[in-house]
Structure formats: structure tokens, C-alpha cells
Amino acid sequence: MLFPTITFAVFLTLVLAAHTVLLKRPRAWKTTMLVASYVFYAWWDWRFLTLIWISTLVDYGTGIAIDASSDPRRRKAFLIVSLATNLGMLGVFKYADFFVTEFVNLMADLGMTVSARPLGIILPVGISFYTFQTMSYSLDIHRGTLRPTRDLRDFALFVAFFPQLVAGPIVRARDFLEQLATNERAPLDTGRSMQLILGGLFKKVVLADVLATRLVDGVFADPGGATGLETLLAVYGYALQIYGDFSGYSDIAIGLALLLGFRFPENFNQPYRAASLQEFWRRWHISLSTWLRDYLYIGMGGSRQGKARTYRNLLITMVLGGLWHGAGWTFLIWGLLHGIGLVVGRIVRDRRGEAPISRLGRFVRVVATFHLVCIGWVFFRAVDLERALEVFGALGGSWTSAPSLDGGVVALLLLGLVLQFAPRGRTDGFWASLGRAPVVVQAAVVLVTILGIDLLGPDGVAPFIYFSF
């Protein structure tokens, strides 16, 4: 079920109606929200609900078992059961076909024929997100920073809560379960919810989808048919497309959760104004970058065991972060490039220290960081390594021919860049006032805004990019 559709609008209307009626009945509210979340997920393929139930039951049980045991070996054994279950599901559904294909290709290169063929496994939507959520629950209990919930329904709702189920943000159990325990489900900030949801729809439907259909998709499908300037603009366009698409989803998810009484952390903070790759990852997909930091980088020792191991840990973290996005050499290279960039940045800081920089110096660093990120996005977007190299080759094509771009695409490219540097909070007062306005006024603003977004956007609704991860 896609957010920008009539189907979801009807679903959300029913959910909000139930939410309003059941505000004073927390047990019925939780049951209704859990059923609604399962319906939302089952809309794609009900069979994959089984995976969510497996992850839910295993981590609910291992969480209690870890907490109840004082034997370090037993605690670790139960943790391994949790991690093996979740990583095993990821391995089968996300990586099995990749490894089978690469093994067959390797044998062919060695002159041997292997009859194995890819299994054609369908990737369950959102599996990377909800498995990371449940693993963080088990890890936190094992570390002693979280006590397990004894209410299976509460835990199941944490795993399956529909606003962020399929594409994040990755929510920590302590944050969700603490808010769930308050039993205060009244909308916290209607104006802020509308700001996030409508802003997210604009970023997805107008910024991301228009750039995709009118610029990015064509160039990445046939790099040889584009001029050098068109290719460069398409690379910039994809950087803005994936930002608009993913941050748009995150904003909508956070806004929907807020309507239902939950405050989720921000997931994007103008990432293309970052002056280093380290800063970029503090602004981009914040819930994933902090997850990788807390559970993988720090778990391997972080920066506590000397410089060499710090650099190693950074590199491994980003390579695995790349593979988390998908099974393919392009994702591995993308993660490796970011890992190398972070290591180089860390080496420079270790040698020179954190010296203050001028405005001009920061501007130069921002431009350089943006282009480093764009180089990585080429690998991320390309269907395979060969296509990525074709895109880089097309950048060396003709720069004298006029690009076949319309004014709307150029305007969107400029708007997307301006949004990265525009002061934040300038419209907060308007949305706060709207949240206090009569319901009729709120409905009119929402309707007009949605109609405007629909007119500006392309025909049809494209799935969110991160649904495939």
C-alpha cells in the first residue's frame, strides 16, 4: 500500500476514526493498530506476514530469556538465536540469489559448468528495516540498557507499526515502548503532522518522481545517448531524487506517527550541506547511521583500540552498510567508497586536529563532499557495474550540444539544492496556527495542497526507492 494513493487515504481515514473512538480504551486501541498494521503490510503480499511473526515471536522470547538469565554464556546463546534468525532471513531473501549467481559465474570463469540457477526469491518489503529494529531490541537487553516487555501485543506493535514499517525510520524499542506505555494517544501536534505529511508528499511526488521520469531514468537507461552536460545533470538529479524520495517517505511516516500519538526522531537534516562525509552521515538516514554506529562500529571496538583498528572498523561498517542496501557489487563499491572517504577524513583529522575553517573553506568542502557523494550515487543507482562505468564515460561526452531539458526540470534541480540550505523553521508558525484552526479550514488546506501536488507530479505513483531495500 503506497502512501500517495486513494487506497491509503481510505485506509488512513478508517485508522484515524478507530484511533479517535478508542482513545480511552488502550487495549482495544493497541489491538486495532496491530491489526491495521498487518493489513497495511499484507496489501503487498500476505504470505510475508509470516516472516514478521517469526521475527516478533523469536525476539520477544529471546528478549525475556536473556533478561532472565544471569549466565553470560546462556545470555549470549539466546542473543545468537535472535541474530541468527533475523540475519538468516535477510541472507535467504536478500542475498541467496546473488551468491548463487556469482558462484555460477566464478565456476564458468574457471572453465567449470554448474547447473545451479538463481531461485527467483522475491524480496519481502521492509525486511531490512524491521529485522534491524528487532535485533536492536535483543542487543539492548543483552547489554543491560533495556528491560524486555512482557506484553506480546506491545512488542508486536513495535515491530509492525505501519507508518515506518517498510522504509523506516528505524525506531528503537525503548523509544517506542516508553511512548506506548503512557496510554496517551491524543494527537500531539496536528499542525506539525500536516507539515510533515504534505511536505513529504511534495518531495516524493514532485521533486523525486518528476526528476526521475523526465531526467534521471532516461540517462541511466542509455548513458550513451546523453550529452556530457545531460549526464552530469542526471547525476545531480538522482542525488536530489533519492533525497526527495527517501526523506519524503520518512517525513510522511513521522507525520503519520505523530497523528497517532508518537514522536519519532528526525531521519534527514539537509544532508547536502555537509562539509565532510562524517557530517553527511550525521544528516543522511540518521536512524540507520546511528544504528550502524551503536551496534556495529562500537560493537567492533569503535575508536577505543587504536587508530588502525578505528580505520578498519569504519571501513567494515560502511561496506556492510552498503551491502545492507542490496546484494550487488555496486552496493559494495558504494559502501567501500564511503568507508574509504571516512577513513581518509579521520586520518586528516587525527593529524591536523579540528581546526576552525572560514566560510570560503566550508563552501569548498561542501561542494567537494557533495560531488564525492554524487560519485557514490552513480554506483548506487546503476543497474550493474558496467552501467555505472558507462555513466562515468558519458560525462566525457559532448558538452557543446544543448541538453534537451525543459525549464521545469531545471527549476526542480535548483529548488532541490536551495532546500538544502534554506533556513529551517521559517514556516513553523504557519503550520502551528493551522493546527489550531477549525477542522474545515485544515481539510481545505490539505485538499488544495494535495490537488496541487497531483497536478505538478507525473501520472501514476512510483514505489518509494527504499521499498526495494
Protein backbone atom coordinates (compact mmCIF):
# COMPACT_ATOMS: atom_id res chain seq x y z
CA MET A 1 0.00 0.00 0.00
CA LEU A 2 1.59 3.24 -1.15
CA PHE A 3 1.16 6.47 0.82
CA PRO A 4 0.22 8.78 -2.12
CA THR A 5 -2.81 6.71 -3.22
CA ILE A 6 -6.58 6.74 -2.76
CA THR A 7 -6.36 3.28 -1.23
CA PHE A 8 -4.10 4.52 1.54
CA ALA A 9 -6.24 7.62 2.06
CA VAL A 10 -9.26 5.38 2.74
CA PHE A 11 -7.16 3.13 5.00
CA LEU A 12 -5.82 6.11 6.97
CA THR A 13 -9.31 7.57 7.36
CA LEU A 14 -10.53 4.32 8.90
CA VAL A 15 -7.47 4.09 11.15
CA LEU A 16 -7.87 7.67 12.40
CA ALA A 17 -11.56 7.06 13.04
CA ALA A 18 -10.73 3.98 15.10
CA HIS A 19 -7.94 5.89 16.84
CA THR A 20 -10.39 8.62 17.88
CA VAL A 21 -13.05 6.20 19.11
CA LEU A 22 -10.63 4.01 21.07
CA LEU A 23 -8.51 6.73 22.71
CA LYS A 24 -9.74 5.84 26.20
CA ARG A 25 -9.51 2.07 25.67
CA PRO A 26 -5.77 1.33 25.36
CA ARG A 27 -6.05 -2.44 25.00
CA ALA A 28 -8.59 -2.16 22.18
CA TRP A 29 -6.53 0.66 20.63
CA LYS A 30 -3.38 -1.48 20.56
CA THR A 31 -5.20 -4.46 19.08
CA THR A 32 -6.79 -2.31 16.38
CA MET A 33 -3.49 -0.64 15.45
CA LEU A 34 -1.76 -4.01 15.28
CA VAL A 35 -4.45 -5.46 13.00
CA ALA A 36 -4.34 -2.32 10.85
CA SER A 37 -0.56 -2.61 10.56
CA TYR A 38 -0.82 -6.23 9.44
CA VAL A 39 -3.46 -5.28 6.86
CA PHE A 40 -1.21 -2.48 5.61
CA TYR A 41 1.70 -4.89 5.14
CA ALA A 42 -0.41 -7.74 3.77
CA TRP A 43 -1.66 -5.45 1.00
CA TRP A 44 1.56 -6.28 -0.91
CA ASP A 45 1.71 -10.00 -0.12
CA TRP A 46 0.02 -11.54 2.91
CA ARG A 47 2.40 -14.52 2.84
CA PHE A 48 5.30 -12.38 4.07
CA LEU A 49 3.44 -11.66 7.30
CA THR A 50 4.87 -15.00 8.38
CA LEU A 51 8.36 -13.50 8.44
CA ILE A 52 7.22 -10.62 10.64
CA TRP A 53 5.56 -13.08 13.02
CA ILE A 54 8.70 -15.22 13.17
CA SER A 55 10.89 -12.22 13.94
CA THR A 56 8.36 -10.99 16.51
CA LEU A 57 7.99 -14.29 18.37
CA VAL A 58 11.71 -15.16 18.34
CA ASP A 59 12.86 -11.77 19.61
CA TYR A 60 10.06 -11.49 22.14
CA GLY A 61 11.05 -14.88 23.57
CA THR A 62 14.82 -14.41 23.42
CA GLY A 63 14.49 -10.97 25.00
CA ILE A 64 12.78 -12.43 28.04
CA ALA A 65 15.25 -15.33 28.16
CA ILE A 66 18.29 -13.04 28.00
CA ASP A 67 16.94 -10.86 30.80
CA ALA A 68 16.02 -13.83 32.99
CA SER A 69 19.44 -15.46 32.81
CA SER A 70 22.50 -14.46 34.83
CA ASP A 71 24.79 -16.89 32.98
CA PRO A 72 26.79 -14.93 30.38
CA ARG A 73 27.02 -17.95 28.10
CA ARG A 74 23.27 -18.56 28.16
CA ARG A 75 22.59 -14.88 27.57
CA LYS A 76 24.94 -14.90 24.60
CA ALA A 77 23.37 -18.11 23.26
CA PHE A 78 19.90 -16.55 23.29
CA LEU A 79 21.27 -13.43 21.63
CA ILE A 80 22.80 -15.58 18.90
CA VAL A 81 19.41 -17.21 18.32
CA SER A 82 17.89 -13.75 17.79
CA LEU A 83 20.66 -12.54 15.48
CA ALA A 84 20.82 -15.80 13.54
CA THR A 85 17.08 -15.78 12.92
CA ASN A 86 16.96 -12.21 11.65
CA LEU A 87 20.20 -12.31 9.70
CA GLY A 88 19.25 -15.72 8.35
CA MET A 89 16.01 -14.36 6.92
CA LEU A 90 17.91 -11.45 5.40
CA GLY A 91 20.50 -13.82 3.99
CA VAL A 92 17.97 -16.09 2.31
CA PHE A 93 15.60 -13.49 0.91
CA LYS A 94 18.05 -10.72 0.11
CA TYR A 95 21.36 -12.37 -0.76
CA ALA A 96 20.81 -16.01 -1.75
CA ASP A 97 20.23 -15.36 -5.46
CA PHE A 98 23.22 -13.01 -5.63
CA PHE A 99 25.61 -15.59 -4.19
CA VAL A 100 24.22 -18.38 -6.39
CA THR A 101 24.69 -16.22 -9.49
CA GLU A 102 28.21 -15.16 -8.54
CA PHE A 103 29.19 -18.75 -7.73
CA VAL A 104 27.96 -19.94 -11.13
CA ASN A 105 29.84 -17.10 -12.85
CA LEU A 106 33.02 -17.89 -10.92
CA MET A 107 32.86 -21.56 -11.88
CA ALA A 108 32.29 -20.57 -15.51
CA ASP A 109 35.38 -18.36 -15.42
CA LEU A 110 37.32 -21.38 -14.12
CA GLY A 111 36.04 -23.48 -17.01
CA MET A 112 33.52 -25.49 -15.00
CA THR A 113 29.79 -25.72 -15.62
CA VAL A 114 27.46 -25.67 -12.63
CA SER A 115 23.77 -26.42 -13.05
CA ALA A 116 22.70 -24.27 -10.10
CA ARG A 117 20.46 -21.37 -11.03
CA PRO A 118 19.01 -18.41 -9.09
CA LEU A 119 15.94 -19.30 -7.03
CA GLY A 120 13.97 -16.23 -8.09
CA ILE A 121 13.23 -15.31 -4.48
CA ILE A 122 11.01 -12.25 -4.03
CA LEU A 123 12.40 -9.68 -1.58
CA PRO A 124 9.83 -9.02 1.18
CA VAL A 125 9.13 -5.30 1.50
CA GLY A 126 10.67 -3.73 4.60
CA ILE A 127 12.55 -6.81 5.81
CA SER A 128 15.80 -4.86 6.26
CA PHE A 129 14.06 -2.33 8.48
CA TYR A 130 12.01 -4.48 10.83
CA THR A 131 14.81 -7.03 11.33
CA PHE A 132 17.17 -4.22 12.35
CA GLN A 133 14.55 -2.94 14.79
CA THR A 134 14.08 -6.30 16.45
CA MET A 135 17.82 -7.01 16.55
CA SER A 136 18.44 -3.71 18.35
CA TYR A 137 15.87 -4.81 20.95
CA SER A 138 17.74 -8.05 21.68
CA LEU A 139 21.11 -6.30 21.67
CA ASP A 140 19.94 -3.62 24.10
CA ILE A 141 18.60 -6.26 26.51
CA HIS A 142 21.87 -8.19 26.28
CA ARG A 143 23.82 -5.01 27.04
CA GLY A 144 21.60 -4.32 30.04
CA THR A 145 20.31 -0.98 28.73
CA LEU A 146 16.72 -2.18 28.22
CA ARG A 147 14.29 -4.43 30.09
CA PRO A 148 12.08 -6.64 27.93
CA THR A 149 8.35 -6.10 27.66
CA ARG A 150 6.15 -8.94 28.88
CA ASP A 151 3.27 -7.85 26.67
CA LEU A 152 3.49 -9.68 23.34
CA ARG A 153 0.95 -7.32 21.79
CA ASP A 154 3.07 -4.28 22.66
CA PHE A 155 6.15 -5.87 21.16
CA ALA A 156 4.29 -6.99 18.04
CA LEU A 157 3.04 -3.43 17.52
CA PHE A 158 6.58 -2.12 17.91
CA VAL A 159 7.74 -4.46 15.13
CA ALA A 160 4.84 -3.90 12.74
CA PHE A 161 3.66 -0.29 13.36
CA PHE A 162 2.57 0.68 9.86
CA PRO A 163 3.82 4.29 9.40
CA GLN A 164 7.51 3.30 9.34
CA LEU A 165 7.25 -0.46 8.82
CA VAL A 166 8.51 -0.74 5.25
CA ALA A 167 11.09 2.04 4.92
CA GLY A 168 11.90 3.48 8.31
CA PRO A 169 12.98 5.43 10.17
CA ILE A 170 14.46 2.59 12.24
CA VAL A 171 12.89 3.12 15.65
CA ARG A 172 14.50 1.89 18.87
CA ALA A 173 12.38 -0.25 21.20
CA ARG A 174 13.00 1.94 24.23
CA ASP A 175 11.64 4.99 22.42
CA PHE A 176 8.54 3.27 21.06
CA LEU A 177 7.63 1.13 24.08
CA GLU A 178 8.04 4.03 26.52
CA GLN A 179 5.61 6.12 24.48
CA LEU A 180 3.25 3.17 24.09
CA ALA A 181 3.19 2.67 27.86
CA THR A 182 1.80 6.17 28.51
CA ASN A 183 -1.62 5.24 27.05
CA GLU A 184 -1.96 8.86 25.92
CA ARG A 185 -2.92 8.59 22.31
CA ALA A 186 -4.35 12.06 21.58
CA PRO A 187 -2.76 13.81 18.55
CA LEU A 188 0.26 15.71 19.84
CA ASP A 189 0.65 18.31 17.11
CA THR A 190 -1.80 18.33 14.20
CA GLY A 191 -0.12 21.29 12.51
CA ARG A 192 3.29 19.63 12.60
CA SER A 193 1.75 16.41 11.27
CA MET A 194 0.28 18.22 8.27
CA GLN A 195 3.58 19.99 7.65
CA LEU A 196 5.48 16.71 7.58
CA ILE A 197 2.94 14.71 5.56
CA LEU A 198 2.26 17.36 2.91
CA GLY A 199 5.94 18.31 2.70
CA GLY A 200 6.86 14.65 2.32
CA LEU A 201 4.29 14.20 -0.45
CA PHE A 202 5.73 17.19 -2.29
CA LYS A 203 9.27 15.87 -2.03
CA LYS A 204 8.21 12.43 -3.24
CA VAL A 205 5.66 13.20 -5.97
CA VAL A 206 7.04 16.45 -7.35
CA LEU A 207 10.75 16.59 -6.62
CA ALA A 208 11.67 12.89 -6.79
CA ASP A 209 9.22 11.46 -9.32
CA VAL A 210 9.43 14.33 -11.80
CA LEU A 211 13.23 14.27 -11.80
CA ALA A 212 13.12 10.50 -12.24
CA THR A 213 10.69 10.39 -15.15
CA ARG A 214 11.93 13.47 -17.02
CA LEU A 215 15.68 13.24 -16.49
CA VAL A 216 17.30 10.53 -14.39
CA ASP A 217 15.70 7.32 -15.66
CA GLY A 218 16.37 8.10 -19.31
CA VAL A 219 20.04 8.93 -18.86
CA PHE A 220 20.79 5.94 -16.61
CA ALA A 221 18.96 3.64 -19.03
CA ASP A 222 21.02 4.83 -22.01
CA PRO A 223 24.08 6.85 -20.96
CA GLY A 224 25.47 6.75 -24.49
CA GLY A 225 22.52 8.74 -25.79
CA ALA A 226 23.10 11.71 -23.47
CA THR A 227 25.50 14.63 -23.70
CA GLY A 228 28.08 15.20 -21.01
CA LEU A 229 26.03 18.03 -19.51
CA GLU A 230 22.83 15.97 -19.52
CA THR A 231 24.65 13.16 -17.76
CA LEU A 232 26.04 15.49 -15.11
CA LEU A 233 22.59 16.98 -14.50
CA ALA A 234 21.14 13.46 -14.28
CA VAL A 235 23.73 12.57 -11.62
CA TYR A 236 22.77 15.70 -9.68
CA GLY A 237 19.14 14.83 -10.38
CA TYR A 238 19.49 11.38 -8.85
CA ALA A 239 21.12 12.84 -5.74
CA LEU A 240 18.05 15.04 -5.33
CA GLN A 241 15.64 12.30 -6.40
CA ILE A 242 16.78 9.82 -3.77
CA TYR A 243 16.80 12.57 -1.15
CA GLY A 244 13.26 13.65 -2.06
CA ASP A 245 12.04 10.07 -2.27
CA PHE A 246 13.50 8.75 0.96
CA SER A 247 13.28 11.86 3.12
CA GLY A 248 9.76 12.32 1.77
CA TYR A 249 8.80 8.84 2.99
CA SER A 250 10.44 9.48 6.36
CA ASP A 251 8.60 12.78 6.77
CA ILE A 252 5.26 11.16 5.95
CA ALA A 253 5.97 8.28 8.34
CA ILE A 254 6.93 10.64 11.17
CA GLY A 255 3.85 12.79 10.49
CA LEU A 256 1.51 9.78 10.49
CA ALA A 257 3.03 8.50 13.73
CA LEU A 258 2.52 11.93 15.26
CA LEU A 259 -1.17 11.82 14.33
CA LEU A 260 -1.37 8.59 16.31
CA GLY A 261 0.46 10.00 19.32
CA PHE A 262 4.10 9.00 18.73
CA ARG A 263 7.15 11.19 18.31
CA PHE A 264 9.78 9.63 16.05
CA PRO A 265 13.30 11.03 15.59
CA GLU A 266 14.24 13.09 12.55
CA ASN A 267 15.79 10.99 9.78
CA PHE A 268 17.18 13.68 7.42
CA ASN A 269 18.69 17.07 8.12
CA GLN A 270 19.68 18.83 4.88
CA PRO A 271 22.45 16.27 4.12
CA TYR A 272 23.88 18.01 1.06
CA ARG A 273 25.06 20.96 3.11
CA ALA A 274 27.53 18.66 4.88
CA ALA A 275 31.18 19.70 4.76
CA SER A 276 32.55 16.16 5.17
CA LEU A 277 31.40 12.59 4.74
CA GLN A 278 31.30 12.23 8.51
CA GLU A 279 28.88 15.16 8.70
CA PHE A 280 26.92 13.76 5.76
CA TRP A 281 26.21 10.57 7.72
CA ARG A 282 25.09 12.65 10.68
CA ARG A 283 22.47 14.19 8.39
CA TRP A 284 21.53 11.34 5.99
CA HIS A 285 19.35 8.37 7.05
CA ILE A 286 20.16 9.22 10.65
CA SER A 287 18.36 6.22 12.10
CA LEU A 288 20.49 3.81 10.02
CA SER A 289 23.79 5.62 10.55
CA THR A 290 23.26 5.71 14.32
CA TRP A 291 22.22 2.02 14.26
CA LEU A 292 25.42 1.09 12.43
CA ARG A 293 27.43 3.23 14.83
CA ASP A 294 25.87 1.88 18.03
CA TYR A 295 25.58 -1.80 17.18
CA LEU A 296 28.27 -2.48 14.57
CA TYR A 297 31.04 0.14 14.76
CA ILE A 298 31.06 0.38 18.57
CA GLY A 299 30.44 -3.36 18.81
CA MET A 300 33.71 -3.97 16.94
CA GLY A 301 35.55 -1.64 19.31
CA GLY A 302 34.85 1.74 17.74
CA SER A 303 37.78 4.08 18.26
CA ARG A 304 38.89 2.54 21.57
CA GLN A 305 41.61 0.22 20.27
CA GLY A 306 43.98 2.47 18.39
CA LYS A 307 43.96 4.26 15.07
CA ALA A 308 44.50 1.26 12.81
CA ARG A 309 41.54 -0.61 14.24
CA THR A 310 39.43 2.53 14.16
CA TYR A 311 40.06 2.85 10.43
CA ARG A 312 39.32 -0.85 9.98
CA ASN A 313 36.07 -0.56 11.91
CA LEU A 314 34.96 2.44 9.84
CA LEU A 315 35.67 0.61 6.60
CA ILE A 316 33.91 -2.62 7.65
CA THR A 317 30.90 -0.68 8.94
CA MET A 318 30.37 1.17 5.68
CA VAL A 319 30.95 -1.89 3.48
CA LEU A 320 28.34 -3.80 5.45
CA GLY A 321 26.11 -0.72 5.33
CA GLY A 322 26.41 -0.81 1.56
CA LEU A 323 25.50 -4.49 1.42
CA TRP A 324 22.55 -3.83 3.75
CA HIS A 325 21.06 -1.81 0.88
CA GLY A 326 21.26 -4.67 -1.58
CA ALA A 327 23.07 -7.71 -2.87
CA GLY A 328 25.31 -6.46 -5.67
CA TRP A 329 28.78 -5.25 -6.47
CA THR A 330 27.52 -1.72 -7.00
CA PHE A 331 26.27 -1.50 -3.40
CA LEU A 332 29.51 -2.98 -2.11
CA ILE A 333 31.51 -0.38 -4.05
CA TRP A 334 29.20 2.38 -2.82
CA GLY A 335 29.80 1.35 0.79
CA LEU A 336 33.53 0.92 0.16
CA LEU A 337 33.81 4.44 -1.29
CA HIS A 338 32.11 5.93 1.75
CA GLY A 339 34.25 3.82 4.04
CA ILE A 340 37.46 4.96 2.36
CA GLY A 341 36.24 8.56 2.47
CA LEU A 342 35.51 8.32 6.19
CA VAL A 343 38.90 6.74 6.85
CA VAL A 344 40.74 9.44 4.88
CA GLY A 345 38.78 12.12 6.71
CA ARG A 346 39.61 10.53 10.04
CA ILE A 347 43.32 10.33 9.17
CA VAL A 348 43.36 14.01 8.23
CA ARG A 349 41.61 14.99 11.48
CA ASP A 350 43.97 12.81 13.52
CA ARG A 351 46.97 14.59 12.01
CA ARG A 352 45.69 18.17 11.80
CA GLY A 353 43.09 18.30 14.54
CA GLU A 354 39.73 20.08 14.38
CA ALA A 355 40.94 23.49 13.23
CA PRO A 356 38.27 26.15 12.57
CA ILE A 357 37.58 26.89 8.89
CA SER A 358 36.50 30.05 7.12
CA ARG A 359 33.22 30.44 5.26
CA LEU A 360 35.06 30.04 1.98
CA GLY A 361 36.78 26.92 3.27
CA ARG A 362 33.47 25.42 4.36
CA PHE A 363 31.92 26.26 0.98
CA VAL A 364 34.74 24.43 -0.81
CA ARG A 365 34.33 21.43 1.48
CA VAL A 366 30.57 21.34 0.97
CA VAL A 367 30.99 21.36 -2.81
CA ALA A 368 33.67 18.66 -2.65
CA THR A 369 31.61 16.48 -0.28
CA PHE A 370 28.52 16.80 -2.47
CA HIS A 371 30.44 15.62 -5.53
CA LEU A 372 32.01 12.72 -3.62
CA VAL A 373 28.52 11.67 -2.57
CA CYS A 374 27.31 12.01 -6.17
CA ILE A 375 30.09 9.70 -7.38
CA GLY A 376 28.84 7.12 -4.93
CA TRP A 377 25.23 7.63 -6.07
CA VAL A 378 26.20 6.63 -9.62
CA PHE A 379 27.10 3.15 -8.37
CA PHE A 380 24.05 3.09 -6.11
CA ARG A 381 21.66 3.92 -8.97
CA ALA A 382 23.21 1.93 -11.82
CA VAL A 383 21.73 -1.50 -12.53
CA ASP A 384 25.22 -3.03 -12.59
CA LEU A 385 28.89 -2.11 -12.57
CA GLU A 386 29.08 -1.92 -16.37
CA ARG A 387 26.26 0.65 -16.49
CA ALA A 388 27.91 2.74 -13.78
CA LEU A 389 31.12 2.89 -15.83
CA GLU A 390 29.06 3.89 -18.88
CA VAL A 391 27.62 6.81 -16.93
CA PHE A 392 31.09 7.99 -15.95
CA GLY A 393 32.17 7.58 -19.56
CA ALA A 394 29.21 9.66 -20.75
CA LEU A 395 30.41 12.54 -18.56
CA GLY A 396 33.29 12.84 -21.02
CA GLY A 397 30.90 13.15 -23.97
CA SER A 398 29.95 16.25 -25.90
CA TRP A 399 29.47 19.40 -23.84
CA THR A 400 28.77 21.64 -26.80
CA SER A 401 25.35 20.24 -27.76
CA ALA A 402 22.45 21.88 -25.99
CA PRO A 403 20.83 19.49 -23.50
CA SER A 404 17.21 18.58 -24.19
CA LEU A 405 15.87 19.71 -20.82
CA ASP A 406 12.70 21.61 -20.12
CA GLY A 407 12.51 24.53 -17.75
CA GLY A 408 10.58 22.58 -15.15
CA VAL A 409 13.40 20.08 -14.64
CA VAL A 410 15.99 22.83 -14.29
CA ALA A 411 13.74 24.64 -11.81
CA LEU A 412 13.38 21.46 -9.75
CA LEU A 413 17.14 20.91 -9.71
CA LEU A 414 17.63 24.44 -8.40
CA LEU A 415 14.79 24.07 -5.89
CA GLY A 416 16.20 20.81 -4.59
CA LEU A 417 19.57 22.43 -3.96
CA VAL A 418 18.01 25.52 -2.36
CA LEU A 419 16.08 23.31 0.07
CA GLN A 420 19.40 22.01 1.39
CA PHE A 421 20.46 25.46 2.55
CA ALA A 422 17.16 27.21 3.31
CA PRO A 423 16.79 28.25 6.96
CA ARG A 424 14.69 25.75 8.84
CA GLY A 425 11.63 26.61 10.86
CA ARG A 426 10.51 29.63 8.83
CA THR A 427 7.04 28.14 8.20
CA ASP A 428 6.58 26.51 11.62
CA GLY A 429 4.39 29.39 12.80
CA PHE A 430 2.00 28.98 9.87
CA TRP A 431 1.59 25.24 10.46
CA ALA A 432 1.16 25.74 14.20
CA SER A 433 -1.62 28.26 13.51
CA LEU A 434 -3.21 25.90 11.01
CA GLY A 435 -3.18 23.16 13.65
CA ARG A 436 -5.36 25.41 15.85
CA ALA A 437 -7.72 26.33 13.02
CA PRO A 438 -11.19 24.78 12.58
CA VAL A 439 -11.23 21.32 11.04
CA VAL A 440 -12.94 22.66 7.91
CA VAL A 441 -10.05 25.06 7.30
CA GLN A 442 -7.48 22.32 7.86
CA ALA A 443 -9.29 19.99 5.47
CA ALA A 444 -9.45 22.71 2.81
CA VAL A 445 -5.72 23.40 3.03
CA VAL A 446 -4.90 19.69 2.86
CA LEU A 447 -7.20 19.12 -0.11
CA VAL A 448 -5.88 22.10 -2.09
CA THR A 449 -2.27 21.12 -1.36
CA ILE A 450 -2.81 17.51 -2.42
CA LEU A 451 -4.56 18.59 -5.62
CA GLY A 452 -1.66 20.94 -6.40
CA ILE A 453 0.89 18.19 -5.78
CA ASP A 454 -1.10 15.84 -8.01
CA LEU A 455 -1.16 18.40 -10.83
CA LEU A 456 2.58 19.02 -10.61
CA GLY A 457 3.55 15.37 -10.36
CA PRO A 458 3.73 12.77 -13.15
CA ASP A 459 0.94 10.32 -13.95
CA GLY A 460 0.81 7.33 -11.65
CA VAL A 461 2.62 6.69 -8.38
CA ALA A 462 6.12 5.22 -8.37
CA PRO A 463 7.08 2.98 -5.42
CA PHE A 464 9.47 4.52 -2.93
CA ILE A 465 13.09 3.70 -3.75
CA TYR A 466 13.80 2.19 -0.34
CA PHE A 467 10.97 -0.33 -0.69
CA SER A 468 13.47 -2.46 -2.58
CA PHE A 469 15.95 -2.48 0.30
